[in-house]
N, C-alpha and C. Protein backbone atom coordinates (compact mmCIF):
# COMPACT_ATOMS: atom_id res chain seq x y z
N UNK A 1 -8.92 1.96 15.92
CA UNK A 1 -7.45 2.28 16.15
C UNK A 1 -7.08 3.50 15.65
N UNK A 2 -6.12 4.12 16.35
CA UNK A 2 -5.61 5.40 15.71
C UNK A 2 -4.51 5.01 14.67
N UNK A 3 -4.07 5.94 13.93
CA UNK A 3 -3.02 5.72 12.89
C UNK A 3 -1.68 5.10 13.52
N UNK A 4 -1.40 5.66 14.73
CA UNK A 4 -0.06 5.17 15.37
C UNK A 4 -0.22 3.74 15.82
N UNK A 5 -1.51 3.41 16.36
CA UNK A 5 -1.66 2.20 16.76
C UNK A 5 -1.63 1.06 15.59
N UNK A 6 -2.23 1.55 14.56
CA UNK A 6 -2.31 0.51 13.37
C UNK A 6 -0.80 0.42 12.85
N UNK A 7 -0.07 1.29 12.88
CA UNK A 7 1.32 1.44 12.42
C UNK A 7 2.06 0.50 13.27
N UNK A 8 1.89 0.69 14.68
CA UNK A 8 2.59 -0.22 15.49
C UNK A 8 2.22 -1.72 15.37
N UNK A 9 0.91 -1.92 15.20
CA UNK A 9 0.60 -3.23 14.92
C UNK A 9 1.04 -3.92 13.65
N UNK A 10 1.24 -3.11 12.60
CA UNK A 10 1.68 -3.46 11.39
C UNK A 10 3.27 -3.79 11.67
N UNK A 11 3.99 -2.99 12.14
CA UNK A 11 5.36 -3.23 12.50
C UNK A 11 5.51 -4.50 13.38
N UNK A 12 4.82 -4.77 14.29
CA UNK A 12 4.92 -5.99 15.15
C UNK A 12 4.69 -7.20 14.34
N UNK A 13 3.54 -7.24 13.46
CA UNK A 13 3.39 -8.28 12.89
C UNK A 13 4.35 -8.60 11.71
N UNK A 14 4.78 -7.62 10.90
CA UNK A 14 5.82 -7.79 10.03
C UNK A 14 7.16 -8.35 10.65
N UNK A 15 7.46 -7.74 11.71
CA UNK A 15 8.59 -8.27 12.39
C UNK A 15 8.42 -9.68 12.93
N UNK A 16 7.30 -10.03 13.30
CA UNK A 16 7.11 -11.52 13.66
C UNK A 16 7.16 -12.46 12.47
N UNK A 17 6.70 -12.03 11.46
CA UNK A 17 6.66 -12.90 10.21
C UNK A 17 8.21 -13.07 9.75
N UNK A 18 8.84 -12.10 9.72
CA UNK A 18 10.11 -11.99 9.27
C UNK A 18 11.19 -12.98 10.15
N UNK A 19 10.90 -12.70 11.58
CA UNK A 19 11.79 -13.48 12.48
C UNK A 19 11.28 -15.04 12.45
N UNK A 20 10.10 -15.38 12.18
CA UNK A 20 9.65 -16.73 11.97
C UNK A 20 10.44 -17.53 10.87
N UNK A 21 10.77 -16.73 9.83
CA UNK A 21 11.44 -17.27 8.70
C UNK A 21 13.09 -17.27 8.91
N UNK A 22 13.35 -16.74 10.00
CA UNK A 22 14.87 -16.71 10.38
C UNK A 22 15.36 -18.03 11.14
N UNK A 23 14.40 -18.84 11.41
CA UNK A 23 14.78 -20.00 12.19
C UNK A 23 15.50 -21.04 11.38
N UNK A 24 16.85 -21.05 11.42
CA UNK A 24 17.60 -21.83 10.54
C UNK A 24 18.97 -22.17 11.24
N UNK A 25 19.44 -23.41 10.82
CA UNK A 25 20.84 -23.52 11.40
C UNK A 25 21.96 -23.29 10.45
N UNK A 26 21.55 -22.56 9.24
CA UNK A 26 22.59 -22.20 8.24
C UNK A 26 22.68 -20.70 8.07
N UNK A 27 23.60 -20.07 7.49
CA UNK A 27 23.61 -18.77 7.24
C UNK A 27 22.51 -18.39 6.27
N UNK A 28 21.83 -17.33 6.53
CA UNK A 28 20.71 -16.70 5.64
C UNK A 28 21.10 -15.50 4.95
N UNK A 29 20.58 -15.33 3.73
CA UNK A 29 20.84 -14.06 3.11
C UNK A 29 19.54 -13.44 2.63
N UNK A 30 19.57 -12.39 1.83
CA UNK A 30 18.39 -11.63 1.37
C UNK A 30 18.64 -11.30 0.07
N UNK A 31 17.55 -11.44 -0.76
CA UNK A 31 17.57 -10.96 -2.21
C UNK A 31 17.25 -9.41 -2.12
N UNK A 32 18.12 -8.54 -2.52
CA UNK A 32 17.90 -6.98 -2.31
C UNK A 32 17.79 -6.43 -3.65
N UNK A 33 16.70 -5.69 -3.99
CA UNK A 33 16.71 -4.93 -5.27
C UNK A 33 16.89 -3.52 -5.06
N UNK A 34 16.61 -3.17 -3.68
CA UNK A 34 16.71 -1.71 -3.36
C UNK A 34 15.29 -0.89 -3.31
N UNK A 35 14.18 -1.80 -3.71
CA UNK A 35 12.82 -1.11 -3.57
C UNK A 35 12.41 -1.28 -2.02
N UNK A 36 11.22 -0.72 -1.86
CA UNK A 36 10.65 -0.55 -0.44
C UNK A 36 10.55 -1.91 0.15
N UNK A 37 10.02 -2.99 -0.47
CA UNK A 37 9.76 -4.24 -0.03
C UNK A 37 10.98 -4.99 0.37
N UNK A 38 11.97 -5.22 -0.51
CA UNK A 38 13.14 -5.90 -0.14
C UNK A 38 13.88 -5.16 0.80
N UNK A 39 13.98 -3.86 0.68
CA UNK A 39 14.81 -3.06 1.65
C UNK A 39 14.27 -3.23 3.21
N UNK A 40 12.86 -3.16 3.37
CA UNK A 40 12.38 -3.22 4.60
C UNK A 40 12.53 -4.71 5.08
N UNK A 41 12.37 -5.69 4.27
CA UNK A 41 12.64 -7.03 4.87
C UNK A 41 14.05 -7.36 5.24
N UNK A 42 14.91 -6.82 4.42
CA UNK A 42 16.38 -6.83 4.68
C UNK A 42 16.77 -6.08 5.95
N UNK A 43 16.11 -5.04 6.07
CA UNK A 43 16.60 -4.26 7.32
C UNK A 43 15.99 -4.85 8.67
N UNK A 44 14.88 -5.67 8.53
CA UNK A 44 14.32 -6.36 9.65
C UNK A 44 15.20 -7.54 9.87
N UNK A 45 15.65 -8.21 8.88
CA UNK A 45 16.44 -9.34 9.22
C UNK A 45 17.80 -8.89 9.85
N UNK A 46 18.30 -7.85 9.27
CA UNK A 46 19.55 -7.23 9.81
C UNK A 46 19.47 -6.79 11.34
N UNK A 47 18.23 -6.49 11.85
CA UNK A 47 18.27 -6.26 13.20
C UNK A 47 18.73 -7.49 14.04
N UNK A 48 18.38 -8.70 13.53
CA UNK A 48 18.74 -10.07 14.26
C UNK A 48 20.05 -10.61 13.90
N UNK A 49 20.81 -10.09 12.94
CA UNK A 49 22.02 -10.80 12.38
C UNK A 49 23.21 -9.78 12.53
N UNK A 50 24.36 -10.28 13.01
CA UNK A 50 25.46 -9.23 13.09
C UNK A 50 26.19 -9.39 11.74
N UNK A 51 26.19 -10.38 11.03
CA UNK A 51 26.60 -10.48 9.73
C UNK A 51 25.47 -10.95 8.74
N UNK A 52 25.53 -10.28 7.61
CA UNK A 52 24.34 -10.57 6.63
C UNK A 52 24.88 -10.35 5.14
N UNK A 53 24.44 -11.39 4.32
CA UNK A 53 24.81 -11.28 2.91
C UNK A 53 23.57 -10.93 2.27
N UNK A 54 23.73 -9.94 1.24
CA UNK A 54 22.60 -9.48 0.40
C UNK A 54 22.99 -9.83 -1.19
N UNK A 55 22.00 -10.18 -1.94
CA UNK A 55 22.29 -10.62 -3.27
C UNK A 55 21.44 -9.65 -4.20
N UNK A 56 21.81 -9.48 -5.35
CA UNK A 56 20.95 -8.87 -6.46
C UNK A 56 21.35 -9.20 -7.85
N UNK A 57 20.39 -9.24 -8.66
CA UNK A 57 20.67 -9.44 -10.04
C UNK A 57 20.07 -8.25 -10.74
N UNK A 58 20.94 -7.69 -11.59
CA UNK A 58 20.69 -6.35 -12.25
C UNK A 58 21.41 -6.35 -13.59
N UNK A 59 20.80 -5.38 -14.53
CA UNK A 59 21.55 -5.07 -15.68
C UNK A 59 22.51 -4.01 -15.36
N UNK A 60 23.67 -3.86 -16.13
CA UNK A 60 24.61 -2.84 -15.91
C UNK A 60 24.09 -1.35 -15.75
N UNK A 61 23.19 -0.94 -16.50
CA UNK A 61 22.71 0.37 -16.37
C UNK A 61 21.28 0.57 -15.59
N UNK A 62 20.97 -0.60 -15.01
CA UNK A 62 19.54 -0.51 -14.36
C UNK A 62 19.79 0.22 -12.92
N UNK A 63 18.67 0.99 -12.68
CA UNK A 63 18.65 1.90 -11.56
C UNK A 63 18.51 0.98 -10.37
N UNK A 64 18.05 -0.29 -10.34
CA UNK A 64 17.71 -1.08 -9.20
C UNK A 64 19.20 -1.42 -8.71
N UNK A 65 20.29 -1.60 -9.47
CA UNK A 65 21.60 -1.77 -9.05
C UNK A 65 22.10 -0.77 -8.15
N UNK A 66 21.93 0.47 -8.45
CA UNK A 66 22.46 1.54 -7.55
C UNK A 66 21.67 1.62 -6.15
N UNK A 67 20.28 1.37 -6.40
CA UNK A 67 19.45 1.34 -5.12
C UNK A 67 19.96 0.28 -4.22
N UNK A 68 20.06 -1.01 -4.77
CA UNK A 68 20.36 -2.21 -3.89
C UNK A 68 21.81 -1.89 -3.24
N UNK A 69 22.75 -1.43 -3.97
CA UNK A 69 24.19 -1.10 -3.46
C UNK A 69 24.00 -0.06 -2.36
N UNK A 70 23.09 1.00 -2.53
CA UNK A 70 22.97 1.99 -1.48
C UNK A 70 22.34 1.42 -0.18
N UNK A 71 21.22 0.63 -0.17
CA UNK A 71 20.75 0.03 0.72
C UNK A 71 21.69 -0.95 1.57
N UNK A 72 22.31 -1.72 0.79
CA UNK A 72 23.25 -2.67 1.22
C UNK A 72 24.41 -1.86 2.17
N UNK A 73 24.67 -0.64 1.62
CA UNK A 73 25.73 0.24 2.21
C UNK A 73 25.22 0.72 3.66
N UNK A 74 23.96 1.14 3.68
CA UNK A 74 23.37 1.67 4.84
C UNK A 74 23.18 0.58 5.82
N UNK A 75 22.86 -0.54 5.40
CA UNK A 75 22.58 -1.66 6.30
C UNK A 75 24.00 -2.48 6.84
N UNK A 76 24.89 -2.07 6.09
CA UNK A 76 26.22 -2.82 6.49
C UNK A 76 26.32 -4.22 6.10
N UNK A 77 25.59 -4.62 5.02
CA UNK A 77 25.63 -6.05 4.59
C UNK A 77 26.87 -6.27 3.59
N UNK A 78 27.29 -7.55 3.39
CA UNK A 78 28.15 -7.92 2.46
C UNK A 78 27.27 -8.24 1.26
N UNK A 79 27.46 -7.28 0.21
CA UNK A 79 26.47 -7.31 -0.88
C UNK A 79 27.26 -7.99 -2.12
N UNK A 80 26.42 -8.91 -2.65
CA UNK A 80 26.85 -9.66 -4.00
C UNK A 80 25.86 -9.40 -5.11
N UNK A 81 26.54 -9.01 -6.22
CA UNK A 81 25.54 -8.89 -7.42
C UNK A 81 25.96 -9.64 -8.52
N UNK A 82 24.96 -9.90 -9.39
CA UNK A 82 25.26 -10.47 -10.71
C UNK A 82 24.81 -9.60 -11.79
N UNK A 83 25.58 -9.28 -12.62
CA UNK A 83 25.25 -8.45 -13.71
C UNK A 83 24.77 -9.26 -14.99
N UNK A 84 23.51 -9.10 -15.12
CA UNK A 84 22.93 -9.83 -16.35
C UNK A 84 23.08 -9.23 -17.59
N UNK A 85 23.52 -9.82 -18.47
CA UNK A 85 23.62 -9.33 -19.86
C UNK A 85 22.38 -9.59 -20.80
N UNK A 86 21.94 -8.71 -21.50
CA UNK A 86 20.71 -8.82 -22.29
C UNK A 86 20.60 -10.35 -23.06
N UNK A 87 21.79 -10.75 -23.53
CA UNK A 87 21.64 -11.98 -24.34
C UNK A 87 21.36 -13.09 -23.23
N UNK A 88 21.75 -13.01 -22.12
CA UNK A 88 21.44 -14.06 -21.05
C UNK A 88 19.96 -14.10 -20.92
N UNK A 89 19.28 -13.15 -21.07
CA UNK A 89 17.84 -13.09 -20.87
C UNK A 89 17.20 -14.04 -21.97
N UNK A 90 17.61 -13.66 -23.29
CA UNK A 90 17.18 -14.37 -24.43
C UNK A 90 17.42 -15.73 -24.35
N UNK A 91 18.79 -16.15 -23.98
CA UNK A 91 19.05 -17.54 -23.81
C UNK A 91 18.30 -18.26 -22.80
N UNK A 92 17.85 -17.69 -21.76
CA UNK A 92 17.02 -18.37 -20.76
C UNK A 92 15.64 -18.63 -21.16
N UNK A 93 15.06 -17.85 -22.13
CA UNK A 93 13.63 -18.07 -22.62
C UNK A 93 13.52 -19.36 -23.25
N UNK A 94 12.31 -19.98 -23.19
CA UNK A 94 12.06 -21.20 -23.94
C UNK A 94 11.82 -20.86 -25.40
N UNK A 95 12.40 -21.63 -26.25
CA UNK A 95 12.43 -21.41 -27.78
C UNK A 95 10.99 -21.22 -28.27
N UNK A 96 10.05 -21.79 -27.68
CA UNK A 96 8.49 -21.56 -28.24
C UNK A 96 8.31 -20.09 -27.95
N UNK A 97 8.54 -19.53 -26.93
CA UNK A 97 8.26 -18.16 -26.47
C UNK A 97 8.90 -17.26 -27.43
N UNK A 98 10.19 -17.45 -27.82
CA UNK A 98 11.07 -16.71 -28.74
C UNK A 98 10.29 -16.75 -30.09
N UNK A 99 9.95 -17.85 -30.58
CA UNK A 99 9.23 -18.17 -31.85
C UNK A 99 8.04 -17.23 -31.92
N UNK A 100 7.22 -17.37 -30.76
CA UNK A 100 5.92 -16.65 -30.60
C UNK A 100 6.17 -15.18 -30.69
N UNK A 101 7.15 -14.72 -30.02
CA UNK A 101 7.70 -13.39 -29.88
C UNK A 101 8.03 -12.70 -31.22
N UNK A 102 8.79 -13.46 -31.99
CA UNK A 102 9.22 -13.07 -33.35
C UNK A 102 8.02 -13.03 -34.24
N UNK A 103 7.10 -13.86 -34.13
CA UNK A 103 5.91 -13.90 -35.08
C UNK A 103 4.89 -12.82 -34.80
N UNK A 104 5.00 -12.19 -33.50
CA UNK A 104 4.15 -11.05 -33.29
C UNK A 104 4.80 -9.67 -33.76
N UNK A 105 5.98 -9.63 -34.26
CA UNK A 105 6.59 -8.49 -34.65
C UNK A 105 6.27 -8.15 -36.07
């Protein structure tokens, strides 16, 4: 197969896989970080949806936040984000993990 044929086959298969997962009777959204994979999947979903919500979790100064907002703007989605505070990460970790981490310092 030529490069163009392989690329066309990849696009067709990826589209088919994404569309298969869109079969639902409820509104669907997409987790969007702004990287290649989540942006591509979101763009493919957006082809079949007139309205779409995207969601991201980021730290206030994280680059992913800017990328996700940019992609959401390009795709015209209603974007929702949760800004994660560093203390929330520590609070979510199991106590034995924190103990082990402190011991390794």
